[in-house]
N, C-alpha and C. Protein backbone atom coordinates (compact mmCIF):
# COMPACT_ATOMS: atom_id res chain seq x y z
N MET A 1 189.41 233.18 135.63
CA MET A 1 188.51 232.72 136.29
C MET A 1 187.20 233.44 135.59
N GLN A 2 186.04 232.57 135.58
CA GLN A 2 184.77 233.05 134.86
C GLN A 2 184.34 233.26 136.17
N ALA A 3 183.29 234.30 136.32
CA ALA A 3 182.32 234.87 137.61
C ALA A 3 180.75 234.80 137.07
N TYR A 4 180.43 234.32 137.36
CA TYR A 4 178.90 234.30 136.99
C TYR A 4 177.86 234.68 138.10
N TYR A 5 177.12 236.04 137.64
CA TYR A 5 176.21 236.52 138.08
C TYR A 5 175.03 236.79 137.49
N GLY A 6 174.40 235.50 138.69
CA GLY A 6 172.58 235.85 137.96
C GLY A 6 171.89 234.77 138.13
N TYR A 7 170.97 234.39 137.97
CA TYR A 7 170.21 232.94 138.04
C TYR A 7 169.50 232.50 136.96
N ALA A 8 169.23 230.47 137.45
CA ALA A 8 168.13 230.73 136.23
C ALA A 8 166.72 229.99 136.86
N ASP A 9 166.02 230.45 135.63
CA ASP A 9 164.21 230.50 136.49
C ASP A 9 163.73 229.20 135.18
N GLY A 10 162.55 229.63 135.33
CA GLY A 10 161.76 228.77 134.27
C GLY A 10 161.78 229.46 133.05
N SER A 11 162.47 230.46 132.94
CA SER A 11 162.23 231.47 131.97
C SER A 11 163.31 231.46 131.26
N GLY A 12 164.48 230.81 131.99
CA GLY A 12 165.79 230.83 130.63
C GLY A 12 166.86 231.30 131.64
N ASP A 13 168.35 231.29 131.33
CA ASP A 13 169.19 231.58 131.93
C ASP A 13 169.02 233.10 131.92
N TYR A 14 169.93 233.67 133.08
CA TYR A 14 170.13 235.18 132.95
C TYR A 14 171.47 235.37 133.64
N PHE A 15 172.91 235.58 132.81
CA PHE A 15 174.27 235.89 133.69
C PHE A 15 174.90 236.52 133.39
N ILE A 16 175.59 237.14 133.71
CA ILE A 16 176.69 238.58 133.54
C ILE A 16 177.80 237.33 133.74
N VAL A 17 178.60 236.93 132.77
CA VAL A 17 179.23 236.23 132.64
C VAL A 17 180.72 237.29 132.56
N ILE A 18 181.80 237.48 133.60
CA ILE A 18 183.05 238.18 133.31
C ILE A 18 184.19 237.06 133.78
N ASP A 19 184.93 237.42 132.46
CA ASP A 19 186.38 236.93 132.79
C ASP A 19 187.16 237.82 133.48
N THR A 20 187.26 237.41 134.83
CA THR A 20 188.18 238.45 135.63
C THR A 20 190.04 237.95 135.40
N ASP A 21 190.54 237.16 134.51
CA ASP A 21 191.69 237.08 133.81
C ASP A 21 191.86 238.03 132.84
N LYS A 22 190.38 238.62 132.08
CA LYS A 22 190.91 239.24 131.25
C LYS A 22 190.25 240.83 131.11
N CYS A 23 189.55 241.29 132.51
CA CYS A 23 189.16 242.12 133.32
C CYS A 23 190.72 243.00 133.08
N ASN A 24 190.60 244.28 132.68
CA ASN A 24 191.71 245.04 133.33
C ASN A 24 191.27 246.43 134.13
N SER A 25 190.05 246.15 134.35
CA SER A 25 189.76 246.75 135.61
C SER A 25 189.44 248.37 135.75
N CYS A 26 189.22 249.10 134.06
CA CYS A 26 189.09 250.67 133.32
C CYS A 26 187.76 250.72 133.33
N GLY A 27 186.83 250.12 133.71
CA GLY A 27 185.59 250.73 134.65
C GLY A 27 184.98 251.11 133.85
N GLU A 28 184.97 250.86 132.39
CA GLU A 28 184.20 251.20 131.25
C GLU A 28 182.51 250.79 130.95
N CYS A 29 182.48 249.49 131.52
CA CYS A 29 181.37 249.19 131.67
C CYS A 29 180.40 249.87 132.84
N VAL A 30 181.27 250.54 133.88
CA VAL A 30 180.60 250.72 135.00
C VAL A 30 179.70 251.81 134.70
N SER A 31 180.21 253.12 133.65
CA SER A 31 179.62 254.01 133.09
C SER A 31 179.12 254.11 131.86
N ALA A 32 178.81 252.99 130.88
CA ALA A 32 178.01 252.49 130.28
C ALA A 32 176.95 251.13 130.76
N CYS A 33 176.28 250.76 131.51
CA CYS A 33 175.12 250.21 131.44
C CYS A 33 174.42 251.01 131.90
N PRO A 34 172.63 251.24 131.36
CA PRO A 34 172.42 252.32 131.76
C PRO A 34 171.27 251.94 133.24
N SER A 35 171.54 250.52 133.24
CA SER A 35 170.96 250.08 134.39
C SER A 35 171.82 250.02 135.78
N HIS A 36 173.16 250.27 135.55
CA HIS A 36 173.99 250.37 137.14
C HIS A 36 174.34 249.00 137.51
N LEU A 37 174.79 248.18 136.45
CA LEU A 37 174.77 246.44 137.08
C LEU A 37 175.80 246.43 137.80
N PHE A 38 177.09 246.96 137.42
CA PHE A 38 178.19 246.83 137.41
C PHE A 38 179.48 247.70 138.45
N ALA A 39 180.29 247.03 138.99
CA ALA A 39 181.03 248.05 139.56
C ALA A 39 182.24 247.39 140.49
N THR A 40 183.17 248.09 140.16
CA THR A 40 184.76 247.32 140.32
C THR A 40 185.04 246.95 142.01
N ALA A 41 185.70 246.13 141.92
CA ALA A 41 186.18 246.35 143.63
C ALA A 41 187.50 244.94 143.24
N THR A 42 188.07 245.23 144.18
CA THR A 42 189.36 244.08 144.30
C THR A 42 188.54 242.62 144.53
N ASP A 43 189.19 241.35 143.89
CA ASP A 43 188.75 240.47 144.19
C ASP A 43 189.55 239.76 145.37
N ASP A 44 189.46 238.98 144.90
CA ASP A 44 190.00 237.28 146.42
C ASP A 44 191.42 237.70 146.32
N TYR A 45 191.85 237.67 144.98
CA TYR A 45 193.57 237.53 144.92
C TYR A 45 194.04 238.62 145.15
N GLY A 46 193.62 239.65 145.24
CA GLY A 46 193.95 241.65 145.14
C GLY A 46 193.72 242.26 144.07
N LYS A 47 193.63 241.72 142.84
CA LYS A 47 193.76 242.52 141.83
C LYS A 47 191.61 243.13 141.68
N LEU A 48 192.49 244.50 141.28
CA LEU A 48 190.59 245.43 140.85
C LEU A 48 189.73 244.67 139.73
N VAL A 49 188.56 244.56 139.84
CA VAL A 49 187.95 244.16 138.60
C VAL A 49 186.75 244.34 138.29
N ALA A 50 185.80 243.82 137.55
CA ALA A 50 184.79 244.62 137.65
C ALA A 50 183.81 243.64 138.08
N LEU A 51 182.39 243.98 138.72
CA LEU A 51 181.63 242.68 139.05
C LEU A 51 180.35 243.21 139.44
N VAL A 52 179.10 242.67 139.37
CA VAL A 52 177.82 243.20 139.71
C VAL A 52 177.54 242.80 140.84
N PRO A 53 176.98 243.48 141.96
CA PRO A 53 176.77 243.90 143.46
C PRO A 53 176.03 242.79 143.76
N GLU A 54 176.18 242.47 144.76
CA GLU A 54 175.19 240.98 145.29
C GLU A 54 174.17 241.21 145.20
N GLY A 55 173.20 242.63 145.69
CA GLY A 55 172.33 243.10 145.56
C GLY A 55 171.02 242.98 144.32
N LEU A 56 171.89 242.71 143.34
CA LEU A 56 171.48 243.16 141.76
C LEU A 56 170.90 241.56 141.05
N THR A 57 172.30 240.57 141.55
CA THR A 57 172.48 239.63 140.91
C THR A 57 170.88 238.96 140.93
N LYS A 58 170.28 238.37 141.64
CA LYS A 58 168.67 238.49 141.37
C LYS A 58 167.48 239.03 140.32
N LYS A 59 168.38 239.98 140.14
CA LYS A 59 167.53 240.91 139.68
C LYS A 59 167.64 241.18 138.14
N ILE A 60 168.93 240.35 137.70
CA ILE A 60 169.77 240.60 136.45
C ILE A 60 168.94 240.86 135.51
N GLY A 61 167.87 239.71 135.28
CA GLY A 61 167.17 239.42 134.08
C GLY A 61 165.85 240.56 133.91
N TYR A 62 165.60 241.56 134.71
CA TYR A 62 164.62 242.44 134.88
C TYR A 62 165.09 243.87 134.46
N LEU A 63 166.47 244.16 135.37
CA LEU A 63 166.67 245.14 135.06
C LEU A 63 167.90 245.06 133.66
N CYS A 64 168.71 244.26 133.21
CA CYS A 64 169.13 244.41 131.88
C CYS A 64 168.36 243.73 130.70
N PRO A 65 168.26 244.25 130.27
CA PRO A 65 167.49 243.97 128.49
C PRO A 65 168.17 243.19 128.05
N GLY A 66 168.97 242.73 128.06
CA GLY A 66 169.95 241.74 127.01
C GLY A 66 170.56 242.70 125.89
N LEU A 67 171.58 242.51 125.51
CA LEU A 67 172.44 243.23 124.53
C LEU A 67 171.77 243.37 123.21
N GLU A 68 170.92 242.90 122.84
CA GLU A 68 170.51 243.20 121.57
C GLU A 68 169.51 244.37 121.83
N ARG A 69 168.82 244.34 122.65
CA ARG A 69 168.02 245.40 122.80
C ARG A 69 168.50 246.47 124.13
N CYS A 70 169.39 246.18 124.37
CA CYS A 70 170.46 247.46 125.01
C CYS A 70 171.01 247.95 124.36
N SER A 71 171.79 247.44 123.05
CA SER A 71 172.50 247.86 121.79
C SER A 71 171.65 249.41 121.22
N LYS A 72 170.15 248.93 121.26
CA LYS A 72 169.35 249.86 120.87
C LYS A 72 168.69 250.98 121.42
N GLN A 73 168.96 251.16 123.09
CA GLN A 73 168.66 252.10 123.77
C GLN A 73 169.65 252.77 123.80
N VAL A 74 171.54 252.44 123.71
CA VAL A 74 172.20 253.15 124.38
C VAL A 74 173.57 253.15 123.14
N LYS A 75 174.14 253.90 122.64
CA LYS A 75 175.51 253.72 122.06
C LYS A 75 176.13 252.99 122.59
N SER A 76 176.69 252.49 123.56
CA SER A 76 177.94 251.53 123.44
C SER A 76 177.26 250.82 124.93
N PRO A 77 176.79 249.68 124.62
CA PRO A 77 176.70 248.74 125.91
C PRO A 77 177.82 248.00 126.36
N CYS A 78 177.23 247.70 127.74
CA CYS A 78 178.78 247.03 128.49
C CYS A 78 179.68 245.64 127.77
N GLN A 79 179.13 244.81 126.81
CA GLN A 79 179.82 244.14 126.14
C GLN A 79 180.26 244.77 124.88
N SER A 80 180.10 245.54 124.40
CA SER A 80 181.06 246.77 123.47
C SER A 80 182.03 247.12 123.83
N VAL A 81 182.05 247.98 124.91
CA VAL A 81 182.99 249.23 125.49
C VAL A 81 184.12 248.04 126.04
N CYS A 82 184.36 246.89 126.43
CA CYS A 82 184.83 246.15 126.97
C CYS A 82 185.55 245.79 126.11
N ARG A 83 187.17 246.59 126.13
CA ARG A 83 187.97 246.12 125.14
C ARG A 83 188.78 245.03 125.17
N GLU A 84 188.52 244.30 126.43
CA GLU A 84 189.25 243.30 126.61
C GLU A 84 188.46 241.92 126.33
N GLN A 85 187.44 242.47 126.20
CA GLN A 85 185.99 241.40 125.93
C GLN A 85 185.52 239.98 127.44
N ALA A 86 185.64 240.62 128.31
CA ALA A 86 185.70 240.07 129.22
C ALA A 86 184.11 239.75 129.63
N ILE A 87 183.37 240.56 129.18
CA ILE A 87 182.00 240.48 129.59
C ILE A 87 181.02 239.66 128.21
N ARG A 88 180.24 238.70 128.78
CA ARG A 88 179.31 238.06 128.15
C ARG A 88 178.15 238.08 128.77
N LEU A 89 176.89 238.07 128.20
CA LEU A 89 175.57 237.58 128.57
C LEU A 89 175.45 236.62 128.05
N THR A 90 174.29 235.75 129.04
CA THR A 90 174.18 234.39 128.55
C THR A 90 172.42 234.47 127.69
N TRP A 91 171.54 235.65 127.76
CA TRP A 91 170.49 235.71 127.11
C TRP A 91 170.38 236.32 126.10
């Protein structure tokens, strides 16, 4: 299942998409994100998965610089540390 966290506005679509079928709940994205946008929790099916806490979804476009800019700031951004390739950004 694809879980979409974020929003769309006049300037674009700002979503972090997590494929919960691929996520193995390793938590690497939690420690990799310099903006602290990720957490792990049990989903509706009892599986531990990565997610973006509800209070942060409306701020994603401001808090996350996007993969290209984040790659310049940190050694291993969320998408690159996800061995299962369960995370993608839409901007």
